[in-house]
Amino acid sequence: MPDNEKIHHPVLQQLYDYWQSKFKDGRIPGRSDVDPLEFPEILPNICLIDVERTDGRLHFRFRLFGTEHQEFNQRDFTGKTIDEVFPPDAAAKVNAAYAHVVESAEPHFWREDMAFEGRDHIGYQRLICPLASDGETVDMLIGAFVFGSKGK
């Protein structure tokens, strides 16, 4: 589990607390355990990412891309994979972080400064939590991003 002391932003803390509240009998919560009506104030920051296992590799596809993401990125990544939306170096870093969440079944928090096309480096924070429809095998990720927050 992430070190809660590193999570300072209330949106990320709310997602983390919500995700933890959904554990039952030590089983990882699944998508069916998540009710967006229980966290409407952070919905614009939320993303859902499908975990696809093909060719012996993990691939990550955005199922839901919150409006905060769409506005900040000036496009909607829904239906796209990490490899389709990020340059190769950035995609490798994101894929590795998401793979770690899948393999460890533990959340991943990071605070970064990132270069965005046509803009200066912008700080952002992200929390990604695993979901497992069978309670064990991670098949989806739920995350929240906040932009403009101070990076590293």
Protein backbone atom coordinates (compact mmCIF):
# COMPACT_ATOMS: atom_id res chain seq x y z
CA MET A 1 0.00 0.00 0.00
CA PRO A 2 1.25 3.52 -0.61
CA ASP A 3 2.65 5.54 2.21
CA ASN A 4 -0.36 7.68 3.13
CA GLU A 5 1.94 10.45 4.30
CA LYS A 6 2.94 10.97 0.66
CA ILE A 7 -0.69 11.47 -0.41
CA HIS A 8 -1.48 15.08 0.40
CA HIS A 9 -4.17 15.89 -2.13
CA PRO A 10 -7.75 15.33 -0.86
CA VAL A 11 -8.93 13.88 -4.20
CA LEU A 12 -6.28 11.17 -4.10
CA GLN A 13 -6.82 10.50 -0.41
CA GLN A 14 -10.56 10.16 -1.00
CA LEU A 15 -10.00 7.60 -3.75
CA TYR A 16 -7.54 5.66 -1.59
CA ASP A 17 -9.90 5.63 1.41
CA TYR A 18 -12.83 4.62 -0.82
CA TRP A 19 -10.85 1.79 -2.44
CA GLN A 20 -9.75 0.49 0.98
CA SER A 21 -13.34 0.58 2.25
CA LYS A 22 -14.38 -1.86 -0.49
CA PHE A 23 -12.16 -4.74 0.68
CA LYS A 24 -14.20 -7.69 1.93
CA ASP A 25 -12.61 -10.73 3.54
CA GLY A 26 -9.19 -9.67 2.23
CA ARG A 27 -10.36 -9.76 -1.39
CA ILE A 28 -9.46 -7.00 -3.83
CA PRO A 29 -12.55 -5.00 -4.78
CA GLY A 30 -13.86 -5.37 -8.32
CA ARG A 31 -15.48 -2.93 -10.70
CA SER A 32 -18.89 -4.10 -9.49
CA ASP A 33 -17.98 -2.89 -5.98
CA VAL A 34 -17.35 0.66 -7.23
CA ASP A 35 -20.34 3.00 -7.28
CA PRO A 36 -19.57 6.42 -8.82
CA LEU A 37 -22.53 7.89 -6.92
CA GLU A 38 -20.47 7.35 -3.75
CA PHE A 39 -17.76 9.82 -4.87
CA PRO A 40 -19.37 12.33 -7.27
CA GLU A 41 -17.09 15.22 -6.31
CA ILE A 42 -13.98 13.42 -7.62
CA LEU A 43 -15.51 11.87 -10.76
CA PRO A 44 -13.88 14.43 -13.09
CA ASN A 45 -10.47 13.22 -11.86
CA ILE A 46 -11.21 9.50 -12.17
CA CYS A 47 -10.07 7.11 -14.87
CA LEU A 48 -10.76 3.42 -15.35
CA ILE A 49 -8.18 1.35 -17.20
CA ASP A 50 -8.75 -2.15 -18.54
CA VAL A 51 -5.92 -4.64 -18.06
CA GLU A 52 -5.48 -6.69 -21.24
CA ARG A 53 -3.30 -9.77 -21.32
CA THR A 54 -2.17 -10.56 -24.87
CA ASP A 55 1.01 -11.96 -26.38
CA GLY A 56 2.28 -12.71 -22.88
CA ARG A 57 2.27 -8.98 -22.14
CA LEU A 58 0.12 -6.60 -20.19
CA HIS A 59 -1.58 -3.80 -22.12
CA PHE A 60 -3.58 -0.96 -20.58
CA ARG A 61 -6.60 0.63 -22.28
CA PHE A 62 -8.51 3.64 -20.97
CA ARG A 63 -12.14 2.67 -20.43
CA LEU A 64 -13.13 5.97 -18.81
CA PHE A 65 -11.25 9.22 -18.98
CA GLY A 66 -12.60 11.86 -16.60
CA THR A 67 -13.46 15.35 -17.79
CA GLU A 68 -10.59 16.87 -15.80
CA HIS A 69 -8.23 14.69 -17.86
CA GLN A 70 -9.95 15.55 -21.11
CA GLU A 71 -9.78 19.28 -20.44
CA PHE A 72 -6.17 19.20 -19.33
CA ASN A 73 -4.98 16.98 -22.19
CA GLN A 74 -7.27 18.67 -24.71
CA ARG A 75 -8.43 15.27 -25.95
CA ASP A 76 -10.19 12.14 -24.78
CA PHE A 77 -8.10 8.98 -24.36
CA THR A 78 -11.15 6.70 -23.92
CA GLY A 79 -10.62 3.47 -25.88
CA LYS A 80 -6.90 4.16 -26.40
CA THR A 81 -3.97 2.21 -24.99
CA ILE A 82 -1.06 3.74 -23.11
CA ASP A 83 1.14 3.02 -26.16
CA GLU A 84 -1.27 4.95 -28.40
CA VAL A 85 -1.36 8.13 -26.31
CA PHE A 86 2.16 8.57 -24.93
CA PRO A 87 5.56 8.87 -26.60
CA PRO A 88 7.61 5.64 -26.27
CA ASP A 89 9.72 6.71 -23.26
CA ALA A 90 6.71 7.97 -21.30
CA ALA A 91 4.62 4.93 -22.33
CA ALA A 92 7.33 2.57 -21.03
CA LYS A 93 7.36 4.36 -17.67
CA VAL A 94 3.56 4.35 -17.33
CA ASN A 95 3.27 0.72 -18.50
CA ALA A 96 5.88 -0.33 -15.91
CA ALA A 97 4.05 1.49 -13.10
CA TYR A 98 0.69 0.00 -14.09
CA ALA A 99 2.22 -3.48 -14.45
CA HIS A 100 3.57 -3.13 -10.91
CA VAL A 101 0.03 -2.43 -9.66
CA VAL A 102 -1.25 -5.51 -11.48
CA GLU A 103 1.52 -7.80 -10.25
CA SER A 104 1.64 -6.53 -6.66
CA ALA A 105 -2.13 -5.91 -6.34
CA GLU A 106 -1.20 -2.74 -4.44
CA PRO A 107 -1.86 0.92 -5.23
CA HIS A 108 0.80 3.10 -6.81
CA PHE A 109 1.21 6.79 -6.02
CA TRP A 110 3.48 9.17 -7.81
CA ARG A 111 4.18 12.83 -8.02
CA GLU A 112 5.82 13.97 -11.25
CA ASP A 113 6.69 16.92 -13.38
CA MET A 114 5.74 16.10 -16.95
CA ALA A 115 6.33 17.85 -20.25
CA PHE A 116 3.15 18.34 -22.22
CA GLU A 117 3.13 19.31 -25.86
CA GLY A 118 3.24 23.08 -26.26
CA ARG A 119 3.47 23.70 -22.48
CA ASP A 120 6.07 23.95 -19.79
CA HIS A 121 6.59 21.09 -17.38
CA ILE A 122 3.51 20.73 -15.23
CA GLY A 123 3.35 18.98 -11.89
CA TYR A 124 0.76 16.33 -11.30
CA GLN A 125 -0.03 13.61 -8.82
CA ARG A 126 -1.60 10.26 -9.55
CA LEU A 127 -2.93 7.33 -7.57
CA ILE A 128 -3.72 4.03 -9.29
CA CYS A 129 -5.52 1.23 -7.40
CA PRO A 130 -6.13 -2.35 -8.54
CA LEU A 131 -9.56 -3.89 -9.11
CA ALA A 132 -10.22 -7.61 -9.51
CA SER A 133 -13.58 -9.02 -10.59
CA ASP A 134 -12.70 -12.36 -8.97
CA GLY A 135 -11.18 -10.73 -5.88
CA GLU A 136 -7.67 -11.92 -6.79
CA THR A 137 -6.63 -11.35 -10.42
CA VAL A 138 -6.28 -7.66 -11.23
CA ASP A 139 -8.26 -6.95 -14.41
CA MET A 140 -8.90 -3.21 -14.08
CA LEU A 141 -7.30 -0.16 -12.53
CA ILE A 142 -9.04 2.83 -11.03
CA GLY A 143 -7.08 6.02 -10.74
CA ALA A 144 -7.28 9.69 -9.97
CA PHE A 145 -5.07 12.46 -11.32
CA VAL A 146 -4.68 16.03 -10.15
CA PHE A 147 -2.84 18.54 -12.30
CA GLY A 148 -0.94 21.67 -11.45
CA SER A 149 0.12 20.26 -8.12
CA LYS A 150 3.77 20.61 -7.26
CA GLY A 151 5.83 17.75 -8.66
CA LYS A 152 8.81 16.01 -7.07
